[in-house]
N, C-alpha and C. Protein backbone atom coordinates (compact mmCIF):
# COMPACT_ATOMS: atom_id res chain seq x y z
N MET A 1 31.89 114.33 43.13
CA MET A 1 31.01 113.64 42.74
C MET A 1 30.26 114.59 43.35
N LYS A 2 28.48 114.81 42.28
CA LYS A 2 27.54 115.69 42.42
C LYS A 2 26.08 115.68 42.07
N LYS A 3 25.15 115.73 43.29
CA LYS A 3 24.03 115.25 43.27
C LYS A 3 22.72 116.31 42.63
N ASN A 4 22.36 115.39 41.65
CA ASN A 4 21.59 115.57 40.67
C ASN A 4 20.30 115.34 40.91
N SER A 5 19.29 115.63 40.16
CA SER A 5 17.78 115.20 40.79
C SER A 5 16.68 115.86 39.30
N ILE A 6 16.34 114.41 39.02
CA ILE A 6 15.35 114.46 37.60
C ILE A 6 14.17 114.31 38.77
N HIS A 7 12.79 115.33 38.72
CA HIS A 7 11.35 115.25 39.39
C HIS A 7 12.79 114.97 40.92
N SER A 8 11.62 113.30 40.97
CA SER A 8 11.50 112.61 42.79
C SER A 8 12.79 112.02 42.33
N PHE A 9 13.37 111.90 41.64
CA PHE A 9 15.22 110.81 41.06
C PHE A 9 16.32 111.35 41.89
N HIS A 10 16.40 111.31 42.34
CA HIS A 10 18.21 111.87 42.96
C HIS A 10 18.90 110.93 42.62
N TYR A 11 20.16 111.27 41.54
CA TYR A 11 21.59 110.56 41.71
C TYR A 11 22.05 111.08 42.14
N TYR A 12 23.30 110.08 42.43
CA TYR A 12 24.96 110.83 42.20
C TYR A 12 25.35 111.02 41.04
N SER A 13 26.66 111.91 40.64
CA SER A 13 27.44 111.60 38.62
C SER A 13 28.77 112.00 39.08
N ILE A 14 29.38 111.27 38.40
CA ILE A 14 31.67 111.78 38.60
C ILE A 14 31.76 111.26 37.23
N GLU A 15 32.42 112.62 36.94
CA GLU A 15 32.53 112.84 35.34
C GLU A 15 34.04 112.74 35.33
N PRO A 16 34.58 111.61 34.36
CA PRO A 16 35.73 111.14 34.31
C PRO A 16 36.63 112.48 33.93
N ASN A 17 37.93 112.06 34.74
CA ASN A 17 38.73 113.63 34.38
C ASN A 17 39.42 113.75 33.00
N LYS A 18 39.40 114.74 32.28
CA LYS A 18 39.38 115.19 31.16
C LYS A 18 40.36 114.22 30.80
N GLN A 19 41.71 113.84 31.13
CA GLN A 19 42.37 113.38 30.79
C GLN A 19 42.45 112.04 30.47
N ASN A 20 41.81 111.17 30.57
CA ASN A 20 41.29 110.19 30.00
C ASN A 20 39.84 110.16 29.68
N GLU A 21 38.92 110.92 29.51
CA GLU A 21 37.45 110.99 29.04
C GLU A 21 36.78 109.92 28.31
N SER A 22 36.07 109.34 28.59
CA SER A 22 35.66 108.43 27.86
C SER A 22 33.70 108.89 27.74
N ASN A 23 32.94 108.60 26.44
CA ASN A 23 31.98 108.75 26.55
C ASN A 23 30.37 107.40 27.18
N LYS A 24 31.55 106.49 27.71
CA LYS A 24 31.16 105.41 28.38
C LYS A 24 30.41 105.42 29.22
N VAL A 25 29.44 105.39 30.33
CA VAL A 25 28.71 105.74 31.31
C VAL A 25 28.79 104.37 31.91
N ILE A 26 28.77 104.03 33.28
CA ILE A 26 28.16 103.02 34.39
C ILE A 26 27.41 103.41 34.84
N ILE A 27 26.41 102.48 34.78
CA ILE A 27 24.97 102.56 36.34
C ILE A 27 25.50 101.87 37.13
N ILE A 28 25.55 102.70 38.31
CA ILE A 28 25.38 101.44 39.60
C ILE A 28 24.64 101.61 40.98
N TYR A 29 23.75 100.60 41.12
CA TYR A 29 22.62 100.50 41.38
C TYR A 29 23.44 99.69 43.19
N HIS A 30 23.32 100.07 44.33
CA HIS A 30 25.11 99.71 45.00
C HIS A 30 23.76 98.92 46.28
N GLY A 31 24.71 98.07 47.01
CA GLY A 31 23.94 96.64 47.49
C GLY A 31 23.36 97.49 48.75
N TRP A 32 22.76 96.93 49.38
CA TRP A 32 21.99 96.72 51.16
C TRP A 32 22.74 97.10 51.85
N GLY A 33 22.43 98.72 52.13
CA GLY A 33 23.45 98.52 53.73
C GLY A 33 24.62 100.00 52.90
N GLY A 34 24.34 99.62 51.43
CA GLY A 34 26.02 100.31 50.69
C GLY A 34 25.70 102.02 50.67
N SER A 35 26.67 102.70 50.66
CA SER A 35 26.51 103.97 50.13
C SER A 35 27.07 104.40 48.61
N ALA A 36 26.70 105.42 48.07
CA ALA A 36 26.41 106.13 46.69
C ALA A 36 27.71 106.49 46.93
N HIS A 37 28.17 107.26 48.11
CA HIS A 37 29.88 107.84 48.53
C HIS A 37 30.99 106.67 47.89
N GLY A 38 30.53 105.73 48.23
CA GLY A 38 31.82 104.77 48.69
C GLY A 38 32.44 104.12 46.71
N TYR A 39 31.79 104.85 45.64
CA TYR A 39 32.24 104.10 44.19
C TYR A 39 32.78 105.24 43.70
N ARG A 40 33.13 106.48 44.79
CA ARG A 40 33.99 107.02 44.00
C ARG A 40 35.13 106.89 42.77
N ASP A 41 35.39 105.66 43.16
CA ASP A 41 37.19 105.28 42.55
C ASP A 41 36.47 105.05 41.60
N LEU A 42 35.38 104.73 41.20
CA LEU A 42 35.40 103.81 39.60
C LEU A 42 35.44 104.98 38.40
N ALA A 43 35.36 105.86 38.34
CA ALA A 43 35.30 107.29 37.77
C ALA A 43 36.07 107.28 37.17
N GLU A 44 37.42 106.56 37.16
CA GLU A 44 38.80 106.77 36.19
C GLU A 44 37.99 106.58 34.62
N GLY A 45 37.98 107.55 34.02
CA GLY A 45 38.09 107.63 32.82
C GLY A 45 36.15 107.19 32.37
N PHE A 46 35.25 107.18 33.16
CA PHE A 46 34.11 107.11 32.88
C PHE A 46 33.29 107.62 33.82
N LYS A 47 31.41 107.88 33.26
CA LYS A 47 31.20 109.01 33.61
C LYS A 47 30.29 108.05 34.50
N VAL A 48 30.32 108.00 35.48
CA VAL A 48 29.31 107.23 36.66
C VAL A 48 28.48 107.77 37.40
N ILE A 49 27.01 106.46 37.20
CA ILE A 49 25.31 107.57 37.45
C ILE A 49 25.74 106.66 38.88
N ILE A 50 25.01 106.91 39.93
CA ILE A 50 24.35 105.80 41.69
C ILE A 50 23.78 106.82 41.53
N PRO A 51 22.42 105.75 41.59
CA PRO A 51 20.95 105.71 42.52
C PRO A 51 20.82 106.19 43.42
N GLU A 52 20.37 107.18 43.59
CA GLU A 52 20.26 107.90 45.57
C GLU A 52 19.22 106.76 45.89
N ILE A 53 19.41 105.76 46.42
CA ILE A 53 18.45 104.73 47.05
C ILE A 53 17.84 104.77 48.37
N VAL A 54 16.27 104.77 48.53
CA VAL A 54 15.27 105.05 49.44
C VAL A 54 15.74 104.22 50.86
N TYR A 55 16.02 104.56 52.44
CA TYR A 55 16.29 104.41 53.42
C TYR A 55 17.97 104.09 53.35
N HIS A 56 19.10 105.48 52.56
CA HIS A 56 20.18 105.15 52.20
C HIS A 56 20.70 106.50 52.24
N ASP A 57 21.35 106.77 52.01
CA ASP A 57 22.77 108.09 52.29
C ASP A 57 21.67 109.16 52.64
N THR A 58 21.11 110.02 51.93
CA THR A 58 20.22 111.27 52.55
C THR A 58 18.59 110.78 52.52
N ARG A 59 18.30 109.81 52.08
CA ARG A 59 16.97 109.51 52.14
C ARG A 59 16.31 108.32 53.17
N HIS A 60 16.47 109.00 54.42
CA HIS A 60 15.75 108.63 55.66
C HIS A 60 16.52 107.75 55.06
N PRO A 61 17.98 107.47 55.63
CA PRO A 61 19.06 106.05 56.24
C PRO A 61 18.37 105.25 57.53
N LEU A 62 18.54 103.81 57.68
CA LEU A 62 18.06 103.51 58.33
C LEU A 62 19.18 103.23 59.76
N ALA A 63 19.21 102.87 61.28
CA ALA A 63 20.18 103.05 61.92
C ALA A 63 21.06 101.65 61.54
N ASP A 64 20.48 100.80 61.58
CA ASP A 64 20.83 99.36 61.47
C ASP A 64 20.71 98.94 59.69
N PRO A 65 21.00 98.56 59.05
CA PRO A 65 20.42 98.44 57.91
C PRO A 65 19.94 96.62 58.55
N PHE A 66 20.64 96.00 58.71
CA PHE A 66 20.84 94.47 58.68
C PHE A 66 20.44 93.93 59.76
N GLU A 67 19.47 94.89 60.81
CA GLU A 67 19.17 94.72 61.99
C GLU A 67 17.84 93.76 61.45
N PRO A 68 17.27 92.27 61.19
CA PRO A 68 16.57 91.51 60.84
C PRO A 68 14.99 92.13 61.25
N LYS A 69 14.93 92.91 62.02
CA LYS A 69 13.30 93.97 61.45
C LYS A 69 13.51 94.05 60.83
N ASN A 70 14.73 95.58 60.52
CA ASN A 70 14.70 96.55 59.39
C ASN A 70 14.59 95.32 57.99
N VAL A 71 15.18 94.57 57.99
CA VAL A 71 15.79 93.82 56.41
C VAL A 71 13.96 93.41 55.74
N GLN A 72 13.66 92.57 56.96
CA GLN A 72 12.30 92.05 57.28
C GLN A 72 11.11 93.37 55.98
N ALA A 73 11.27 94.84 57.18
CA ALA A 73 9.74 95.24 57.03
C ALA A 73 10.41 96.63 55.90
N TYR A 74 11.69 96.86 55.50
CA TYR A 74 12.21 97.66 54.67
C TYR A 74 12.39 97.12 52.83
N PHE A 75 13.74 95.81 53.18
CA PHE A 75 14.30 95.39 51.65
C PHE A 75 13.19 95.11 50.54
N TRP A 76 12.50 95.17 50.27
CA TRP A 76 11.82 94.32 49.06
C TRP A 76 10.54 96.14 49.21
N GLU A 77 10.42 96.33 49.95
CA GLU A 77 10.19 97.79 49.42
C GLU A 77 11.10 98.73 49.17
N THR A 78 12.34 98.88 49.46
CA THR A 78 13.14 99.50 48.98
C THR A 78 13.53 99.26 47.83
N ILE A 79 13.32 97.48 47.23
CA ILE A 79 13.96 97.57 45.68
C ILE A 79 13.02 98.47 44.57
N MET A 80 11.30 97.96 45.14
CA MET A 80 10.39 98.31 44.68
C MET A 80 9.83 99.83 44.30
N ILE A 81 10.83 100.69 45.00
CA ILE A 81 10.56 101.88 45.12
C ILE A 81 11.79 102.60 44.22
N THR A 82 12.83 102.07 44.49
CA THR A 82 13.89 102.41 43.85
C THR A 82 13.80 102.79 42.44
């Protein structure tokens, strides 16, 4: 899994193994409280792009994203910013 950036947009990419190479691309927007690193296995034969979502991974992650105060304060901001 490789971390990439285009200006302020950060994302991870996973290239298919050469044996099953395809020109198809899967873009995954992972769920609240998830991590881009949980999707490595999906690269089997496909290029996978996973945006790095604000308040996840290395972008100021929340200690407990499911704490009701965190959900209320950050959920929609995360959707709108990312």
